[in-house]
Amino acid sequence: MKNYVLYLTLPFLLFSLTKSEEVKYPSVTNASFQVGEKLRYRVTYGFMDAGEAILEVKSTDKKGNNRELIHAVGTGKTLGGFNSFFKVNDVYETYLDKKSMFPWFFVRRVEEGKYKLNQDYTFLHHKSIVNNGKGKEFKAPMGIQDMISSFYYARTLDFKDMKPGKIFEFKCFMDDEIYTLKIKYTGEEVIHIRKGKFNCYKFVPVVQTGRYFKSEDDVNFWITKDANKIPILVKAKIPVGIVKLHLVEWSGLKNNLSSKIK
């Protein structure tokens, strides 16, 4: 009789143990971008175009712990005469979880003058670990972002009914360290770039002690006031002047670019 009861209960016990060990991933609603989106930016120093940056969202068969992913690629390079004294050719890749909008893999290839850097991170969210590909593992909270995934995750944040002073924050893993990224909404503005005028939300980073930028006024960026939430202009003060990153071309958007003023 005892054996009979054991045979009946054992499957249920095993099932319960299996269910208790299942990882619960966060679910993030993405209504802002899709596979096929391509954004091209110009980097301007003074009146000169110093460089170009392109962000693309692609499909992929690669899986992260058997979950479906999106492949996002960012490239940056110098243009024209700037190549002669400081050539830049950078590639950043992230493989984003379709449902949770966090990275499973991150690739960074940097060539800036004589400086070169290769990084290959694997994000094991189900274990709360990041492997840097060089024999080191770091404890990191589930949902932590990388340098490129942060750009896309930020576009899934809820901007509805936000008021000036609202701060958004999330964790990011960069250069074998965990950073808390904070951005503050300061209000709405109409921004004029080469491609016309746009209704935008304005944000500034919340400056942290020891970082490169010392004041919130050192960096400003504007996001289109529409469902796409595209960063359309970034303006940064550096010791030798002002650098701007502004949108010059777009395609494959998920939504109508209704923020553009006709």
Protein backbone atom coordinates (compact mmCIF):
# COMPACT_ATOMS: atom_id res chain seq x y z
CA MET A 1 0.00 0.00 0.00
CA LYS A 2 2.83 2.37 0.88
CA ASN A 3 4.54 1.70 -2.43
CA TYR A 4 1.27 2.32 -4.25
CA VAL A 5 0.92 5.76 -2.60
CA LEU A 6 4.56 6.58 -3.41
CA TYR A 7 4.09 5.75 -7.08
CA LEU A 8 1.05 8.00 -7.19
CA THR A 9 2.64 10.98 -5.44
CA LEU A 10 6.15 10.85 -6.94
CA PRO A 11 5.18 12.27 -10.37
CA PHE A 12 3.37 15.14 -8.71
CA LEU A 13 6.34 15.91 -6.46
CA LEU A 14 8.72 15.92 -9.42
CA PHE A 15 6.37 18.16 -11.38
CA SER A 16 6.14 20.59 -8.45
CA LEU A 17 9.92 20.75 -8.09
CA THR A 18 10.36 21.38 -11.81
CA LYS A 19 7.77 24.15 -11.80
CA SER A 20 9.33 25.83 -8.76
CA GLU A 21 12.71 25.99 -10.54
CA GLU A 22 11.33 27.62 -13.71
CA VAL A 23 12.66 31.10 -14.30
CA LYS A 24 10.14 33.90 -14.55
CA TYR A 25 11.29 36.50 -17.06
CA PRO A 26 9.83 40.01 -17.19
CA SER A 27 7.53 40.84 -20.08
CA VAL A 28 8.06 44.16 -21.87
CA THR A 29 5.66 45.67 -24.40
CA ASN A 30 7.43 46.94 -27.50
CA ALA A 31 5.26 49.23 -29.64
CA SER A 32 8.14 51.42 -30.87
CA PHE A 33 10.40 49.46 -33.24
CA GLN A 34 10.46 46.36 -35.41
CA VAL A 35 12.74 44.19 -37.52
CA GLY A 36 13.68 46.18 -40.62
CA GLU A 37 14.07 49.54 -38.90
CA LYS A 38 17.16 51.50 -39.95
CA LEU A 39 18.26 54.84 -38.53
CA ARG A 40 21.17 56.84 -39.91
CA TYR A 41 22.78 59.70 -37.99
CA ARG A 42 25.43 62.28 -38.76
CA VAL A 43 27.98 63.32 -36.16
CA THR A 44 28.66 67.03 -36.51
CA TYR A 45 31.50 69.01 -35.00
CA GLY A 46 30.96 72.71 -35.55
CA PHE A 47 29.84 73.02 -39.16
CA MET A 48 31.57 69.84 -40.31
CA ASP A 49 30.24 66.31 -40.65
CA ALA A 50 32.79 64.33 -38.68
CA GLY A 51 31.17 60.91 -38.69
CA GLU A 52 28.20 58.68 -39.29
CA ALA A 53 26.31 56.21 -37.11
CA ILE A 54 23.79 53.62 -38.27
CA LEU A 55 21.43 51.53 -36.14
CA GLU A 56 19.64 48.55 -37.69
CA VAL A 57 17.20 45.96 -36.35
CA LYS A 58 17.51 42.54 -38.00
CA SER A 59 16.03 39.09 -37.64
CA THR A 60 18.14 36.17 -36.38
CA ASP A 61 17.92 32.42 -35.82
CA LYS A 62 20.20 32.71 -32.78
CA LYS A 63 18.56 31.79 -29.47
CA GLY A 64 19.18 32.85 -25.89
CA ASN A 65 18.39 30.02 -23.48
CA ASN A 66 15.99 28.75 -26.18
CA ARG A 67 14.19 32.13 -26.42
CA GLU A 68 13.65 34.07 -29.64
CA LEU A 69 15.90 37.07 -30.24
CA ILE A 70 16.20 40.25 -32.29
CA HIS A 71 19.59 41.26 -33.71
CA ALA A 72 20.41 44.97 -33.38
CA VAL A 73 23.59 46.34 -34.97
CA GLY A 74 25.18 49.75 -34.46
CA THR A 75 28.08 50.97 -36.58
CA GLY A 76 30.08 54.19 -36.35
CA LYS A 77 32.77 55.65 -38.57
CA THR A 78 34.56 58.90 -39.30
CA LEU A 79 34.03 60.75 -42.58
CA GLY A 80 36.22 62.70 -44.99
CA GLY A 81 39.24 64.49 -43.63
CA PHE A 82 38.70 63.22 -40.10
CA ASN A 83 39.94 59.80 -41.27
CA SER A 84 43.39 61.25 -41.90
CA PHE A 85 44.18 62.07 -38.26
CA PHE A 86 41.81 59.93 -36.20
CA LYS A 87 40.00 57.15 -38.02
CA VAL A 88 37.07 55.47 -36.27
CA ASN A 89 35.46 52.20 -37.31
CA ASP A 90 33.28 50.74 -34.55
CA VAL A 91 30.74 47.92 -34.56
CA TYR A 92 28.34 47.10 -31.74
CA GLU A 93 25.89 44.19 -31.77
CA THR A 94 23.27 43.01 -29.33
CA TYR A 95 20.91 40.07 -29.42
CA LEU A 96 17.72 41.14 -27.67
CA ASP A 97 15.09 38.93 -26.10
CA LYS A 98 11.87 39.51 -28.09
CA LYS A 99 9.62 39.37 -25.04
CA SER A 100 11.80 40.80 -22.28
CA MET A 101 13.92 43.35 -24.20
CA PHE A 102 17.18 42.48 -22.49
CA PRO A 103 20.37 41.17 -24.17
CA TRP A 104 21.62 37.60 -24.26
CA PHE A 105 24.76 38.35 -26.28
CA PHE A 106 26.76 41.53 -26.84
CA VAL A 107 29.61 42.05 -29.33
CA ARG A 108 31.85 45.13 -29.46
CA ARG A 109 34.60 45.79 -32.00
CA VAL A 110 36.33 49.13 -31.57
CA GLU A 111 38.97 50.66 -33.84
CA GLU A 112 39.71 54.27 -32.95
CA GLY A 113 43.08 55.46 -34.19
CA LYS A 114 45.59 53.00 -32.77
CA TYR A 115 43.22 51.91 -30.02
CA LYS A 116 41.44 48.58 -30.49
CA LEU A 117 39.04 46.71 -28.23
CA ASN A 118 37.12 43.45 -28.55
CA GLN A 119 34.35 42.44 -26.16
CA ASP A 120 32.06 39.40 -26.27
CA TYR A 121 29.60 39.24 -23.40
CA THR A 122 27.10 36.48 -22.70
CA PHE A 123 24.20 37.44 -20.44
CA LEU A 124 22.90 34.46 -18.47
CA HIS A 125 19.77 36.10 -17.07
CA HIS A 126 18.41 32.81 -15.71
CA LYS A 127 21.55 32.61 -13.53
CA SER A 128 21.97 36.37 -12.89
CA ILE A 129 25.45 36.21 -14.41
CA VAL A 130 27.36 38.00 -17.17
CA ASN A 131 30.30 36.15 -18.74
CA ASN A 132 32.85 38.51 -20.32
CA GLY A 133 34.28 35.85 -22.66
CA LYS A 134 37.69 36.10 -21.01
CA GLY A 135 37.23 33.69 -18.16
CA LYS A 136 35.40 36.03 -15.77
CA GLU A 137 31.82 35.97 -14.58
CA PHE A 138 30.03 38.82 -12.84
CA LYS A 139 26.88 38.77 -10.72
CA ALA A 140 24.27 40.93 -12.37
CA PRO A 141 20.52 41.36 -11.88
CA MET A 142 18.11 39.81 -14.35
CA GLY A 143 17.16 42.35 -17.01
CA ILE A 144 20.47 44.20 -17.02
CA GLN A 145 21.18 45.96 -20.34
CA ASP A 146 24.25 46.48 -22.54
CA MET A 147 25.38 49.60 -24.42
CA ILE A 148 23.14 49.01 -27.45
CA SER A 149 20.21 47.22 -25.86
CA SER A 150 19.83 50.24 -23.55
CA PHE A 151 18.94 52.34 -26.60
CA TYR A 152 16.12 49.98 -27.58
CA TYR A 153 14.91 49.20 -24.07
CA ALA A 154 14.57 52.92 -23.34
CA ARG A 155 12.18 53.18 -26.29
CA THR A 156 9.80 50.75 -24.56
CA LEU A 157 9.49 52.93 -21.44
CA ASP A 158 6.09 54.41 -20.73
CA PHE A 159 6.12 58.13 -21.50
CA LYS A 160 2.39 58.56 -20.93
CA ASP A 161 1.42 61.36 -18.55
CA MET A 162 5.05 62.00 -17.54
CA LYS A 163 5.81 65.41 -16.07
CA PRO A 164 9.05 67.45 -16.06
CA GLY A 165 11.39 66.05 -13.44
CA LYS A 166 10.36 62.43 -14.02
CA ILE A 167 13.42 60.14 -13.78
CA PHE A 168 13.77 56.78 -15.50
CA GLU A 169 16.56 54.42 -14.45
CA PHE A 170 17.87 50.94 -15.24
CA LYS A 171 21.05 48.90 -14.89
CA CYS A 172 23.63 48.54 -17.64
CA PHE A 173 26.73 46.33 -17.88
CA MET A 174 29.69 48.12 -19.52
CA ASP A 175 33.43 47.40 -19.43
CA ASP A 176 33.04 44.69 -16.76
CA GLU A 177 31.09 47.00 -14.46
CA ILE A 178 27.47 47.62 -13.56
CA TYR A 179 26.20 51.17 -13.99
CA THR A 180 22.89 52.73 -13.09
CA LEU A 181 21.71 54.80 -16.03
CA LYS A 182 19.32 57.61 -15.16
CA ILE A 183 17.60 60.01 -17.53
CA LYS A 184 15.40 62.92 -16.54
CA TYR A 185 12.52 64.32 -18.58
CA THR A 186 12.61 68.12 -18.74
CA GLY A 187 9.70 68.97 -21.05
CA GLU A 188 8.56 69.28 -24.66
CA GLU A 189 10.34 71.19 -27.42
CA VAL A 190 10.13 71.70 -31.17
CA ILE A 191 13.50 70.72 -32.67
CA HIS A 192 14.73 71.80 -36.11
CA ILE A 193 17.26 69.52 -37.84
CA ARG A 194 18.21 69.07 -41.49
CA LYS A 195 15.21 66.88 -42.11
CA GLY A 196 12.71 69.40 -40.77
CA LYS A 197 10.92 70.25 -37.54
CA PHE A 198 9.78 67.69 -34.99
CA ASN A 199 7.76 67.75 -31.79
CA CYS A 200 10.02 66.17 -29.18
CA TYR A 201 10.47 65.13 -25.59
CA LYS A 202 13.65 66.50 -24.06
CA PHE A 203 15.80 64.49 -21.65
CA VAL A 204 19.07 64.98 -19.80
CA PRO A 205 21.21 62.36 -18.03
CA VAL A 206 21.25 62.45 -14.25
CA VAL A 207 24.96 63.09 -13.71
CA GLN A 208 26.78 60.80 -11.29
CA THR A 209 29.94 61.62 -9.36
CA GLY A 210 33.13 60.70 -11.19
CA ARG A 211 31.60 60.54 -14.66
CA TYR A 212 32.94 62.36 -17.70
CA PHE A 213 30.11 64.88 -17.90
CA LYS A 214 29.93 67.11 -14.84
CA SER A 215 26.63 68.92 -15.46
CA GLU A 216 23.20 68.02 -16.81
CA ASP A 217 23.67 70.84 -19.30
CA ASP A 218 26.63 68.98 -20.83
CA VAL A 219 24.36 66.49 -22.60
CA ASN A 220 20.85 66.98 -23.97
CA PHE A 221 18.84 64.67 -26.18
CA TRP A 222 15.46 64.82 -27.85
CA ILE A 223 13.06 61.94 -28.56
CA THR A 224 10.29 62.12 -31.17
CA LYS A 225 6.91 62.71 -29.60
CA ASP A 226 5.22 59.77 -31.30
CA ALA A 227 4.92 56.01 -30.91
CA ASN A 228 8.40 55.40 -32.42
CA LYS A 229 10.25 57.29 -29.66
CA ILE A 230 13.30 57.85 -31.88
CA PRO A 231 16.27 59.80 -30.50
CA ILE A 232 16.43 62.54 -33.11
CA LEU A 233 19.14 64.81 -31.74
CA VAL A 234 21.89 64.49 -29.15
CA LYS A 235 23.99 67.49 -28.20
CA ALA A 236 27.10 67.12 -26.02
CA LYS A 237 29.60 69.65 -24.72
CA ILE A 238 33.20 68.47 -24.79
CA PRO A 239 36.38 70.36 -23.85
CA VAL A 240 37.01 71.41 -27.46
CA GLY A 241 33.49 72.35 -28.49
CA ILE A 242 30.03 70.92 -29.12
CA VAL A 243 29.31 67.62 -30.85
CA LYS A 244 25.88 66.83 -32.30
CA LEU A 245 24.35 63.56 -33.39
CA HIS A 246 21.27 64.13 -35.56
CA LEU A 247 18.97 61.91 -37.57
CA VAL A 248 19.36 62.23 -41.35
CA GLU A 249 17.59 59.13 -42.68
CA TRP A 250 15.09 56.51 -41.51
CA SER A 251 13.23 53.52 -42.91
CA GLY A 252 11.24 50.52 -41.74
CA LEU A 253 9.58 52.38 -38.86
CA LYS A 254 6.89 50.55 -36.94
CA ASN A 255 4.64 53.60 -36.69
CA ASN A 256 3.89 56.78 -38.57
CA LEU A 257 6.40 59.55 -37.83
CA SER A 258 3.61 61.83 -36.65
CA SER A 259 5.96 64.08 -34.68
CA LYS A 260 7.28 65.60 -37.93
CA ILE A 261 5.77 69.01 -38.51
CA LYS A 262 4.67 69.49 -42.11
